[in-house]
Amino acid sequence: MKNRVITISREFGSGGRTIGKKTAEALGIPCYDQELIQKIAAESGFHESYVQDAAEDSTGGFLASAFAHHPQGHSNTDYLWKIQYKIITELAQKGPCVIVGRCADYILRDTADCLRVFIHADPAFRADRIVRVYGEREESPQQRIRDKDKRRAAYHRFYTDMK
C-alpha cells in the first residue's frame, strides 16, 4: 500500500509553507520543506544556499550553464534535480508526510497516494505578507513576487513539462 502524502505547491508569499507545517502538525506527520534543502545539500556536497538558489533556476543563463557543470556532464541544476527526485521519492516511501514545493506533486504523481494542493492568494495579501514575514527589501514586494513566481514556474515547467 502506498503512503498518503500531501504535496503543497504555492505562489510566493501565499502562506503555503505555513499551511504545510500546520497541516502536518495537525495530522501528526512530518513536514519536509527546508529539511529537503538540507538533505539535498548533504547528499550533493553543495552548500545549502547554493541548493536553495539553484533549485529554482532551470536554465541559469549562458554563463551559468557554461561554468556550472557536474563532472558527469550534467549541469549542477540537473544533478540537484536527480538528488531531489530520489530524496522526495524515499521520503514518500518512508511514511505519510507533507512535502512543500520542489516539484513533489510531479515527482510523486505515480508513486504515492497524493493529495496535491496549490496555494495561491490575492496579490495585495501576498505583498503585505512577504513584507511582514520576510522583511523590507530594496525591491518592491510586487516585483519580488513577480520574479519569484516567474522563476518557480520556469523551473517547474523545465523539469515537469507542465504549467
N, C-alpha and C. Protein backbone atom coordinates (compact mmCIF):
# COMPACT_ATOMS: atom_id res chain seq x y z
N MET A 1 0.84 -1.19 0.00
CA MET A 1 0.00 0.00 0.00
C MET A 1 0.88 1.24 0.00
N LYS A 2 0.49 2.21 -0.75
CA LYS A 2 1.24 3.46 -0.85
C LYS A 2 0.93 4.36 0.35
N ASN A 3 1.95 5.12 0.76
CA ASN A 3 1.75 6.07 1.85
C ASN A 3 0.98 7.29 1.36
N ARG A 4 0.21 7.84 2.23
CA ARG A 4 -0.51 9.06 1.88
C ARG A 4 0.41 10.25 2.09
N VAL A 5 0.51 11.05 1.05
CA VAL A 5 1.40 12.20 1.07
C VAL A 5 0.62 13.42 0.58
N ILE A 6 0.86 14.55 1.22
CA ILE A 6 0.28 15.81 0.78
C ILE A 6 1.41 16.64 0.21
N THR A 7 1.26 17.07 -1.03
CA THR A 7 2.24 17.97 -1.62
C THR A 7 1.63 19.35 -1.69
N ILE A 8 2.43 20.33 -1.34
CA ILE A 8 1.96 21.73 -1.35
C ILE A 8 2.81 22.50 -2.34
N SER A 9 2.20 22.91 -3.43
CA SER A 9 2.82 23.86 -4.35
C SER A 9 2.22 25.20 -4.01
N ARG A 10 2.97 26.28 -4.28
CA ARG A 10 2.44 27.57 -3.83
C ARG A 10 3.06 28.73 -4.59
N GLU A 11 2.30 29.83 -4.54
CA GLU A 11 2.83 31.10 -5.02
C GLU A 11 3.64 31.71 -3.90
N PHE A 12 4.67 32.45 -4.25
CA PHE A 12 5.50 33.12 -3.25
C PHE A 12 4.65 34.08 -2.44
N GLY A 13 4.74 33.96 -1.12
CA GLY A 13 4.01 34.85 -0.23
C GLY A 13 2.60 34.43 0.10
N SER A 14 2.14 33.32 -0.44
CA SER A 14 0.74 32.91 -0.23
C SER A 14 0.52 32.20 1.11
N GLY A 15 1.60 31.77 1.74
CA GLY A 15 1.46 31.07 3.02
C GLY A 15 1.49 29.56 2.89
N GLY A 16 1.89 29.05 1.75
CA GLY A 16 1.92 27.60 1.53
C GLY A 16 2.81 26.86 2.51
N ARG A 17 3.96 27.43 2.82
CA ARG A 17 4.87 26.80 3.78
C ARG A 17 4.20 26.70 5.14
N THR A 18 3.57 27.77 5.58
CA THR A 18 2.88 27.79 6.89
C THR A 18 1.73 26.80 6.91
N ILE A 19 0.96 26.76 5.84
CA ILE A 19 -0.15 25.82 5.75
C ILE A 19 0.36 24.38 5.79
N GLY A 20 1.46 24.12 5.08
CA GLY A 20 2.04 22.78 5.09
C GLY A 20 2.48 22.35 6.48
N LYS A 21 3.16 23.26 7.19
CA LYS A 21 3.62 22.93 8.54
C LYS A 21 2.46 22.70 9.50
N LYS A 22 1.45 23.55 9.42
CA LYS A 22 0.30 23.40 10.32
C LYS A 22 -0.50 22.15 10.00
N THR A 23 -0.61 21.81 8.74
CA THR A 23 -1.32 20.60 8.34
C THR A 23 -0.61 19.36 8.88
N ALA A 24 0.71 19.33 8.69
CA ALA A 24 1.49 18.19 9.18
C ALA A 24 1.39 18.07 10.69
N GLU A 25 1.46 19.21 11.36
CA GLU A 25 1.35 19.21 12.82
C GLU A 25 0.00 18.66 13.26
N ALA A 26 -1.07 19.11 12.61
CA ALA A 26 -2.42 18.65 12.97
C ALA A 26 -2.59 17.15 12.71
N LEU A 27 -1.93 16.64 11.68
CA LEU A 27 -2.04 15.22 11.34
C LEU A 27 -1.02 14.34 12.06
N GLY A 28 -0.06 14.99 12.73
CA GLY A 28 0.98 14.25 13.43
C GLY A 28 1.96 13.55 12.51
N ILE A 29 2.24 14.17 11.36
CA ILE A 29 3.18 13.59 10.39
C ILE A 29 4.26 14.62 10.10
N PRO A 30 5.39 14.19 9.56
CA PRO A 30 6.47 15.14 9.27
C PRO A 30 6.13 16.06 8.09
N CYS A 31 6.70 17.24 8.14
CA CYS A 31 6.62 18.20 7.04
C CYS A 31 8.03 18.44 6.54
N TYR A 32 8.22 18.28 5.26
CA TYR A 32 9.54 18.49 4.66
C TYR A 32 9.50 19.73 3.79
N ASP A 33 10.29 20.71 4.19
CA ASP A 33 10.42 21.96 3.44
C ASP A 33 11.89 22.31 3.42
N GLN A 34 12.33 23.07 4.39
CA GLN A 34 13.75 23.41 4.50
C GLN A 34 14.59 22.15 4.71
N GLU A 35 14.00 21.14 5.33
CA GLU A 35 14.70 19.88 5.55
C GLU A 35 15.10 19.23 4.22
N LEU A 36 14.30 19.44 3.18
CA LEU A 36 14.65 18.91 1.86
C LEU A 36 15.94 19.55 1.36
N ILE A 37 16.06 20.85 1.54
CA ILE A 37 17.27 21.56 1.10
C ILE A 37 18.48 21.03 1.86
N GLN A 38 18.31 20.81 3.16
CA GLN A 38 19.41 20.28 3.96
C GLN A 38 19.82 18.89 3.48
N LYS A 39 18.84 18.04 3.19
CA LYS A 39 19.13 16.68 2.72
C LYS A 39 19.80 16.71 1.34
N ILE A 40 19.32 17.56 0.45
CA ILE A 40 19.90 17.67 -0.89
C ILE A 40 21.33 18.19 -0.78
N ALA A 41 21.55 19.18 0.07
CA ALA A 41 22.89 19.74 0.26
C ALA A 41 23.84 18.67 0.81
N ALA A 42 23.38 17.93 1.79
CA ALA A 42 24.24 16.90 2.39
C ALA A 42 24.62 15.83 1.36
N GLU A 43 23.66 15.42 0.55
CA GLU A 43 23.94 14.36 -0.42
C GLU A 43 24.75 14.86 -1.62
N SER A 44 24.54 16.11 -2.01
CA SER A 44 25.22 16.64 -3.20
C SER A 44 26.60 17.20 -2.90
N GLY A 45 26.81 17.65 -1.64
CA GLY A 45 28.06 18.30 -1.30
C GLY A 45 28.04 19.80 -1.53
N PHE A 46 26.93 20.32 -2.06
CA PHE A 46 26.81 21.76 -2.26
C PHE A 46 26.32 22.43 -0.98
N HIS A 47 26.64 23.69 -0.83
CA HIS A 47 26.18 24.48 0.32
C HIS A 47 24.66 24.67 0.21
N GLU A 48 23.99 24.74 1.36
CA GLU A 48 22.53 24.90 1.38
C GLU A 48 22.07 26.13 0.60
N SER A 49 22.78 27.23 0.71
CA SER A 49 22.36 28.45 0.00
C SER A 49 22.43 28.25 -1.52
N TYR A 50 23.42 27.49 -1.98
CA TYR A 50 23.52 27.19 -3.41
C TYR A 50 22.35 26.30 -3.84
N VAL A 51 22.05 25.30 -3.04
CA VAL A 51 20.93 24.41 -3.34
C VAL A 51 19.63 25.20 -3.38
N GLN A 52 19.44 26.09 -2.43
CA GLN A 52 18.24 26.91 -2.36
C GLN A 52 18.07 27.71 -3.64
N ASP A 53 19.13 28.36 -4.09
CA ASP A 53 19.05 29.19 -5.29
C ASP A 53 18.98 28.36 -6.56
N ALA A 54 19.82 27.36 -6.68
CA ALA A 54 19.89 26.56 -7.90
C ALA A 54 18.64 25.73 -8.12
N ALA A 55 17.97 25.36 -7.06
CA ALA A 55 16.79 24.50 -7.19
C ALA A 55 15.59 25.23 -7.78
N GLU A 56 15.70 26.52 -7.98
CA GLU A 56 14.62 27.24 -8.66
C GLU A 56 15.15 27.93 -9.90
N ASP A 57 16.27 27.48 -10.41
CA ASP A 57 16.86 28.09 -11.59
C ASP A 57 17.01 27.02 -12.65
N SER A 58 16.05 26.96 -13.57
CA SER A 58 16.04 25.88 -14.55
C SER A 58 17.11 26.01 -15.61
N THR A 59 17.47 27.21 -15.98
CA THR A 59 18.43 27.35 -17.07
C THR A 59 19.70 28.04 -16.63
N GLY A 60 19.60 29.04 -15.79
CA GLY A 60 20.77 29.73 -15.29
C GLY A 60 21.45 30.66 -16.27
N GLY A 61 21.01 30.69 -17.52
CA GLY A 61 21.62 31.56 -18.50
C GLY A 61 22.89 30.95 -19.07
N PHE A 62 23.42 31.59 -20.10
CA PHE A 62 24.57 31.06 -20.81
C PHE A 62 25.81 30.92 -19.93
N LEU A 63 26.17 31.97 -19.21
CA LEU A 63 27.39 31.92 -18.40
C LEU A 63 27.28 30.89 -17.28
N ALA A 64 26.12 30.85 -16.64
CA ALA A 64 25.95 29.87 -15.57
C ALA A 64 26.05 28.45 -16.11
N SER A 65 25.44 28.19 -17.25
CA SER A 65 25.49 26.84 -17.80
C SER A 65 26.87 26.51 -18.34
N ALA A 66 27.61 27.51 -18.79
CA ALA A 66 28.96 27.27 -19.32
C ALA A 66 29.95 26.90 -18.23
N PHE A 67 29.74 27.43 -17.01
CA PHE A 67 30.72 27.22 -15.94
C PHE A 67 30.23 26.32 -14.81
N ALA A 68 28.99 25.92 -14.81
CA ALA A 68 28.45 25.14 -13.70
C ALA A 68 28.04 23.75 -14.15
N HIS A 69 29.01 22.91 -14.41
CA HIS A 69 28.72 21.54 -14.82
C HIS A 69 29.31 20.55 -13.84
N HIS A 70 28.57 19.53 -13.62
CA HIS A 70 28.98 18.45 -12.75
C HIS A 70 29.93 17.55 -13.55
N PRO A 71 30.85 16.88 -12.90
CA PRO A 71 31.82 16.03 -13.62
C PRO A 71 31.19 14.99 -14.56
N GLN A 72 29.98 14.53 -14.29
CA GLN A 72 29.35 13.54 -15.16
C GLN A 72 28.75 14.16 -16.42
N GLY A 73 28.94 15.46 -16.64
CA GLY A 73 28.47 16.10 -17.85
C GLY A 73 27.13 16.79 -17.76
N HIS A 74 26.46 16.66 -16.65
CA HIS A 74 25.18 17.34 -16.45
C HIS A 74 25.42 18.68 -15.77
N SER A 75 24.46 19.58 -15.91
CA SER A 75 24.57 20.83 -15.17
C SER A 75 24.37 20.55 -13.69
N ASN A 76 24.83 21.45 -12.86
CA ASN A 76 24.61 21.31 -11.42
C ASN A 76 23.13 21.23 -11.10
N THR A 77 22.33 22.01 -11.83
CA THR A 77 20.89 22.01 -11.60
C THR A 77 20.29 20.64 -11.91
N ASP A 78 20.75 20.02 -12.99
CA ASP A 78 20.28 18.66 -13.32
C ASP A 78 20.72 17.66 -12.26
N TYR A 79 21.94 17.79 -11.80
CA TYR A 79 22.47 16.92 -10.75
C TYR A 79 21.62 17.07 -9.48
N LEU A 80 21.31 18.29 -9.11
CA LEU A 80 20.48 18.53 -7.92
C LEU A 80 19.07 18.00 -8.12
N TRP A 81 18.54 18.12 -9.33
CA TRP A 81 17.20 17.59 -9.62
C TRP A 81 17.15 16.08 -9.37
N LYS A 82 18.18 15.36 -9.83
CA LYS A 82 18.22 13.91 -9.63
C LYS A 82 18.26 13.55 -8.15
N ILE A 83 19.03 14.28 -7.39
CA ILE A 83 19.10 14.03 -5.95
C ILE A 83 17.77 14.37 -5.29
N GLN A 84 17.20 15.51 -5.66
CA GLN A 84 15.90 15.92 -5.13
C GLN A 84 14.84 14.86 -5.43
N TYR A 85 14.80 14.37 -6.64
CA TYR A 85 13.84 13.35 -7.05
C TYR A 85 13.98 12.11 -6.17
N LYS A 86 15.21 11.67 -5.98
CA LYS A 86 15.49 10.48 -5.16
C LYS A 86 15.05 10.69 -3.71
N ILE A 87 15.40 11.82 -3.13
CA ILE A 87 15.07 12.08 -1.73
C ILE A 87 13.56 12.17 -1.52
N ILE A 88 12.87 12.88 -2.39
CA ILE A 88 11.42 13.02 -2.26
C ILE A 88 10.74 11.65 -2.39
N THR A 89 11.20 10.85 -3.34
CA THR A 89 10.64 9.51 -3.51
C THR A 89 10.86 8.65 -2.27
N GLU A 90 12.06 8.73 -1.70
CA GLU A 90 12.37 7.96 -0.49
C GLU A 90 11.52 8.42 0.70
N LEU A 91 11.33 9.72 0.85
CA LEU A 91 10.53 10.23 1.96
C LEU A 91 9.08 9.76 1.84
N ALA A 92 8.55 9.74 0.63
CA ALA A 92 7.17 9.28 0.42
C ALA A 92 7.04 7.79 0.70
N GLN A 93 8.08 7.03 0.42
CA GLN A 93 8.05 5.59 0.70
C GLN A 93 8.19 5.30 2.19
N LYS A 94 8.87 6.20 2.88
CA LYS A 94 9.15 6.02 4.30
C LYS A 94 7.89 6.11 5.16
N GLY A 95 6.96 7.02 4.80
CA GLY A 95 5.75 7.15 5.58
C GLY A 95 4.95 8.37 5.17
N PRO A 96 3.76 8.53 5.74
CA PRO A 96 2.93 9.69 5.43
C PRO A 96 3.68 10.99 5.78
N CYS A 97 3.49 12.01 4.96
CA CYS A 97 4.16 13.28 5.21
C CYS A 97 3.54 14.39 4.36
N VAL A 98 3.97 15.61 4.65
CA VAL A 98 3.65 16.78 3.84
C VAL A 98 4.97 17.24 3.23
N ILE A 99 4.96 17.48 1.92
CA ILE A 99 6.15 17.97 1.24
C ILE A 99 5.80 19.29 0.56
N VAL A 100 6.56 20.31 0.90
CA VAL A 100 6.31 21.66 0.37
C VAL A 100 7.26 21.93 -0.79
N GLY A 101 6.68 22.24 -1.94
CA GLY A 101 7.46 22.66 -3.11
C GLY A 101 8.29 21.56 -3.73
N ARG A 102 9.35 21.99 -4.42
CA ARG A 102 10.35 21.11 -5.03
C ARG A 102 9.77 20.14 -6.06
N CYS A 103 8.67 20.51 -6.69
CA CYS A 103 8.01 19.69 -7.72
C CYS A 103 7.58 18.33 -7.19
N ALA A 104 7.34 18.24 -5.90
CA ALA A 104 6.94 16.96 -5.30
C ALA A 104 5.64 16.45 -5.91
N ASP A 105 4.74 17.36 -6.30
CA ASP A 105 3.49 16.94 -6.93
C ASP A 105 3.77 16.13 -8.19
N TYR A 106 4.73 16.55 -8.97
CA TYR A 106 5.10 15.85 -10.19
C TYR A 106 5.89 14.57 -9.88
N ILE A 107 6.87 14.69 -9.02
CA ILE A 107 7.74 13.56 -8.68
C ILE A 107 6.93 12.38 -8.15
N LEU A 108 5.91 12.67 -7.37
CA LEU A 108 5.12 11.61 -6.72
C LEU A 108 3.83 11.27 -7.46
N ARG A 109 3.70 11.73 -8.68
CA ARG A 109 2.44 11.55 -9.42
C ARG A 109 2.05 10.09 -9.59
N ASP A 110 3.04 9.19 -9.68
CA ASP A 110 2.74 7.78 -9.89
C ASP A 110 3.19 6.88 -8.74
N THR A 111 3.88 7.44 -7.75
CA THR A 111 4.49 6.58 -6.74
C THR A 111 3.89 6.74 -5.35
N ALA A 112 2.95 7.62 -5.18
CA ALA A 112 2.38 7.80 -3.84
C ALA A 112 0.91 8.17 -3.95
N ASP A 113 0.19 7.87 -2.89
CA ASP A 113 -1.20 8.28 -2.78
C ASP A 113 -1.17 9.74 -2.34
N CYS A 114 -1.26 10.64 -3.31
CA CYS A 114 -1.03 12.07 -3.04
C CYS A 114 -2.30 12.90 -3.09
N LEU A 115 -2.33 13.85 -2.18
CA LEU A 115 -3.26 14.96 -2.27
C LEU A 115 -2.39 16.12 -2.72
N ARG A 116 -2.62 16.60 -3.91
CA ARG A 116 -1.82 17.69 -4.47
C ARG A 116 -2.58 18.99 -4.28
N VAL A 117 -1.94 19.93 -3.59
CA VAL A 117 -2.57 21.21 -3.25
C VAL A 117 -1.74 22.34 -3.82
N PHE A 118 -2.43 23.33 -4.39
CA PHE A 118 -1.75 24.54 -4.85
C PHE A 118 -2.32 25.71 -4.06
N ILE A 119 -1.46 26.42 -3.33
CA ILE A 119 -1.89 27.54 -2.51
C ILE A 119 -1.61 28.84 -3.27
N HIS A 120 -2.65 29.64 -3.39
CA HIS A 120 -2.49 30.95 -4.03
C HIS A 120 -3.24 31.97 -3.20
N ALA A 121 -2.97 33.23 -3.47
CA ALA A 121 -3.64 34.30 -2.72
C ALA A 121 -3.65 35.57 -3.56
N ASP A 122 -4.48 36.48 -3.13
CA ASP A 122 -4.58 37.78 -3.76
C ASP A 122 -3.21 38.48 -3.75
N PRO A 123 -2.82 39.14 -4.84
CA PRO A 123 -1.51 39.81 -4.88
C PRO A 123 -1.27 40.82 -3.75
N ALA A 124 -2.30 41.54 -3.34
CA ALA A 124 -2.13 42.51 -2.25
C ALA A 124 -1.83 41.79 -0.93
N PHE A 125 -2.52 40.68 -0.68
CA PHE A 125 -2.26 39.88 0.51
C PHE A 125 -0.82 39.37 0.49
N ARG A 126 -0.40 38.86 -0.64
CA ARG A 126 0.96 38.31 -0.78
C ARG A 126 2.01 39.39 -0.56
N ALA A 127 1.80 40.56 -1.15
CA ALA A 127 2.77 41.65 -0.99
C ALA A 127 2.88 42.06 0.47
N ASP A 128 1.75 42.19 1.14
CA ASP A 128 1.75 42.55 2.56
C ASP A 128 2.43 41.46 3.38
N ARG A 129 2.13 40.22 3.07
CA ARG A 129 2.67 39.10 3.84
C ARG A 129 4.18 38.97 3.69
N ILE A 130 4.71 39.14 2.50
CA ILE A 130 6.16 38.98 2.36
C ILE A 130 6.92 40.09 3.05
N VAL A 131 6.33 41.28 3.15
CA VAL A 131 6.99 42.34 3.92
C VAL A 131 6.97 41.99 5.40
N ARG A 132 5.82 41.51 5.89
CA ARG A 132 5.71 41.14 7.31
C ARG A 132 6.59 39.94 7.66
N VAL A 133 6.60 38.93 6.81
CA VAL A 133 7.30 37.68 7.11
C VAL A 133 8.79 37.76 6.76
N TYR A 134 9.09 38.29 5.59
CA TYR A 134 10.47 38.28 5.10
C TYR A 134 11.19 39.61 5.24
N GLY A 135 10.45 40.66 5.58
CA GLY A 135 11.07 41.96 5.81
C GLY A 135 11.14 42.83 4.56
N GLU A 136 11.47 44.06 4.80
CA GLU A 136 11.61 45.04 3.72
C GLU A 136 12.86 44.74 2.91
N ARG A 137 12.81 45.06 1.65
CA ARG A 137 13.96 44.93 0.75
C ARG A 137 13.97 46.15 -0.16
N GLU A 138 15.06 46.31 -0.86
CA GLU A 138 15.14 47.42 -1.81
C GLU A 138 14.10 47.26 -2.92
N GLU A 139 13.92 46.03 -3.37
CA GLU A 139 12.97 45.75 -4.44
C GLU A 139 11.55 45.78 -3.89
N SER A 140 10.61 46.26 -4.67
CA SER A 140 9.21 46.32 -4.21
C SER A 140 8.67 44.91 -3.99
N PRO A 141 7.72 44.76 -3.08
CA PRO A 141 7.13 43.44 -2.84
C PRO A 141 6.50 42.86 -4.12
N GLN A 142 5.87 43.72 -4.89
CA GLN A 142 5.23 43.25 -6.12
C GLN A 142 6.27 42.70 -7.10
N GLN A 143 7.43 43.36 -7.19
CA GLN A 143 8.49 42.89 -8.07
C GLN A 143 9.08 41.58 -7.56
N ARG A 144 9.25 41.47 -6.26
CA ARG A 144 9.76 40.23 -5.66
C ARG A 144 8.82 39.07 -5.97
N ILE A 145 7.52 39.31 -5.86
CA ILE A 145 6.52 38.29 -6.16
C ILE A 145 6.61 37.87 -7.62
N ARG A 146 6.65 38.84 -8.53
CA ARG A 146 6.73 38.53 -9.96
C ARG A 146 7.98 37.71 -10.27
N ASP A 147 9.11 38.15 -9.73
CA ASP A 147 10.38 37.45 -10.01
C ASP A 147 10.38 36.03 -9.47
N LYS A 148 9.96 35.87 -8.23
CA LYS A 148 9.97 34.54 -7.60
C LYS A 148 8.98 33.60 -8.30
N ASP A 149 7.77 34.09 -8.58
CA ASP A 149 6.78 33.27 -9.27
C ASP A 149 7.28 32.87 -10.66
N LYS A 150 7.92 33.79 -11.34
CA LYS A 150 8.44 33.50 -12.68
C LYS A 150 9.51 32.41 -12.62
N ARG A 151 10.42 32.51 -11.66
CA ARG A 151 11.47 31.51 -11.51
C ARG A 151 10.89 30.14 -11.14
N ARG A 152 9.94 30.13 -10.21
CA ARG A 152 9.33 28.86 -9.80
C ARG A 152 8.60 28.21 -10.97
N ALA A 153 7.86 29.02 -11.72
CA ALA A 153 7.10 28.49 -12.86
C ALA A 153 8.04 27.94 -13.93
N ALA A 154 9.13 28.66 -14.21
CA ALA A 154 10.08 28.21 -15.22
C ALA A 154 10.75 26.91 -14.79
N TYR A 155 11.12 26.81 -13.53
CA TYR A 155 11.74 25.60 -13.00
C TYR A 155 10.78 24.42 -13.11
N HIS A 156 9.54 24.63 -12.68
CA HIS A 156 8.53 23.58 -12.72
C HIS A 156 8.29 23.14 -14.16
N ARG A 157 8.14 24.09 -15.05
CA ARG A 157 7.89 23.78 -16.46
C ARG A 157 9.08 23.03 -17.08
N PHE A 158 10.31 23.45 -16.74
CA PHE A 158 11.50 22.84 -17.30
C PHE A 158 11.62 21.37 -16.92
N TYR A 159 11.38 21.05 -15.65
CA TYR A 159 11.57 19.67 -15.18
C TYR A 159 10.34 18.79 -15.28
N THR A 160 9.17 19.39 -15.42
CA THR A 160 7.95 18.57 -15.45
C THR A 160 7.23 18.63 -16.78
N ASP A 161 7.57 19.60 -17.61
CA ASP A 161 6.89 19.86 -18.87
C ASP A 161 5.41 20.14 -18.63
N MET A 162 5.13 20.71 -17.46
CA MET A 162 3.76 21.07 -17.08
C MET A 162 3.74 22.52 -16.63
N LYS A 163 2.60 23.17 -16.83
CA LYS A 163 2.45 24.55 -16.37
C LYS A 163 2.11 24.56 -14.90
